[in-house]
Amino acid sequence: MSEQLSGSSRTPVKIGVEELRGNLAAYLRQARLGSTFLIMSHNEIVAELRPPAPSYHDRRRPGALRGRIKLSTDFGPTPQDVFDSRDGDL
């Protein structure tokens, strides 16, 4: 395997398609740890391998906002006409 596996998230490392194919698992492991790689074919960048955006890491956790959401003091019951306008039974 090449010494090119030392990429960081700030400085992408250029690797060829054959290098990526031969060491795919290692490059994926490095990307998971924060490294970024530019995949080259005939001296042209064809793809970028990097960690997913933070939004993909954070999953919703039930109860994470418990106690932090408060209803307005003037919040009242749902009016009957809103219930009547819905299709089907509730």
Protein backbone atom coordinates (compact mmCIF):
# COMPACT_ATOMS: atom_id res chain seq x y z
CA MET A 1 0.00 0.00 0.00
CA SER A 2 1.23 3.46 -0.75
CA GLU A 3 2.33 5.99 1.82
CA GLN A 4 -0.46 8.20 0.51
CA LEU A 5 -2.82 6.96 3.19
CA SER A 6 -1.78 9.84 5.43
CA GLY A 7 -4.35 12.32 4.08
CA SER A 8 -6.06 14.72 6.44
CA SER A 9 -9.40 16.43 6.18
CA ARG A 10 -7.62 19.72 5.39
CA THR A 11 -5.20 18.54 2.70
CA PRO A 12 -6.68 16.07 0.22
CA VAL A 13 -4.29 13.40 -1.06
CA LYS A 14 -4.41 12.52 -4.76
CA ILE A 15 -4.65 8.80 -5.50
CA GLY A 16 -5.18 6.88 -8.70
CA VAL A 17 -8.14 4.67 -9.45
CA GLU A 18 -5.97 1.53 -9.39
CA GLU A 19 -4.51 2.51 -6.01
CA LEU A 20 -8.03 3.02 -4.64
CA ARG A 21 -9.22 -0.32 -6.03
CA GLY A 22 -6.29 -2.17 -4.55
CA ASN A 23 -6.71 -0.67 -1.08
CA LEU A 24 -10.35 0.33 -0.90
CA ALA A 25 -10.98 -0.89 2.65
CA ALA A 26 -7.97 1.03 3.98
CA TYR A 27 -9.00 4.24 2.23
CA LEU A 28 -12.56 3.94 3.51
CA ARG A 29 -11.22 3.44 7.03
CA GLN A 30 -9.06 6.56 6.68
CA ALA A 31 -12.02 8.57 5.31
CA ARG A 32 -14.09 7.49 8.31
CA LEU A 33 -11.32 8.91 10.52
CA GLY A 34 -11.39 12.28 8.72
CA SER A 35 -9.05 11.97 5.74
CA THR A 36 -9.95 13.31 2.30
CA PHE A 37 -8.77 11.83 -0.99
CA LEU A 38 -9.02 13.06 -4.57
CA ILE A 39 -9.44 10.16 -6.99
CA MET A 40 -7.48 10.76 -10.20
CA SER A 41 -7.81 9.23 -13.65
CA HIS A 42 -5.46 10.37 -16.42
CA ASN A 43 -4.36 13.38 -14.31
CA GLU A 44 -7.95 14.52 -13.88
CA ILE A 45 -9.94 14.54 -10.64
CA VAL A 46 -12.93 12.24 -11.09
CA ALA A 47 -14.14 11.87 -7.51
CA GLU A 48 -13.60 12.89 -3.92
CA LEU A 49 -13.61 10.49 -0.99
CA ARG A 50 -14.20 12.17 2.35
CA PRO A 51 -16.08 11.68 5.61
CA PRO A 52 -19.83 12.34 5.46
CA ALA A 53 -21.19 15.71 6.51
CA PRO A 54 -21.98 16.02 10.23
CA SER A 55 -25.70 15.86 9.54
CA TYR A 56 -25.27 12.23 8.47
CA HIS A 57 -23.61 11.31 11.75
CA ASP A 58 -26.22 12.70 14.11
CA ARG A 59 -29.27 10.54 14.37
CA ARG A 60 -32.39 11.65 16.16
CA ARG A 61 -32.43 10.45 19.72
CA PRO A 62 -35.85 10.02 21.32
CA GLY A 63 -36.13 12.27 24.34
CA ALA A 64 -33.09 14.42 23.46
CA LEU A 65 -35.14 17.62 23.84
CA ARG A 66 -37.14 16.47 26.86
CA GLY A 67 -37.68 19.41 29.21
CA ARG A 68 -36.33 21.94 26.72
CA ILE A 69 -39.52 22.58 24.70
CA LYS A 70 -42.23 24.60 26.40
CA LEU A 71 -45.73 25.39 25.13
CA SER A 72 -46.81 28.99 25.04
CA THR A 73 -48.92 30.07 28.02
CA ASP A 74 -51.74 31.10 25.67
CA PHE A 75 -51.82 27.72 23.94
CA GLY A 76 -55.31 26.29 24.22
CA PRO A 77 -57.20 23.20 23.16
CA THR A 78 -57.75 22.46 19.47
CA PRO A 79 -61.04 24.01 18.28
CA GLN A 80 -63.79 21.57 17.32
CA ASP A 81 -64.02 22.96 13.76
CA VAL A 82 -60.42 21.85 13.14
CA PHE A 83 -61.33 18.32 14.18
CA ASP A 84 -64.49 18.45 12.07
CA SER A 85 -62.56 19.52 8.97
CA ARG A 86 -60.33 16.43 9.07
CA ASP A 87 -61.17 13.29 7.13
CA GLY A 88 -61.75 10.21 9.23
CA ASP A 89 -61.95 9.57 12.92
CA LEU A 90 -59.29 10.51 15.41
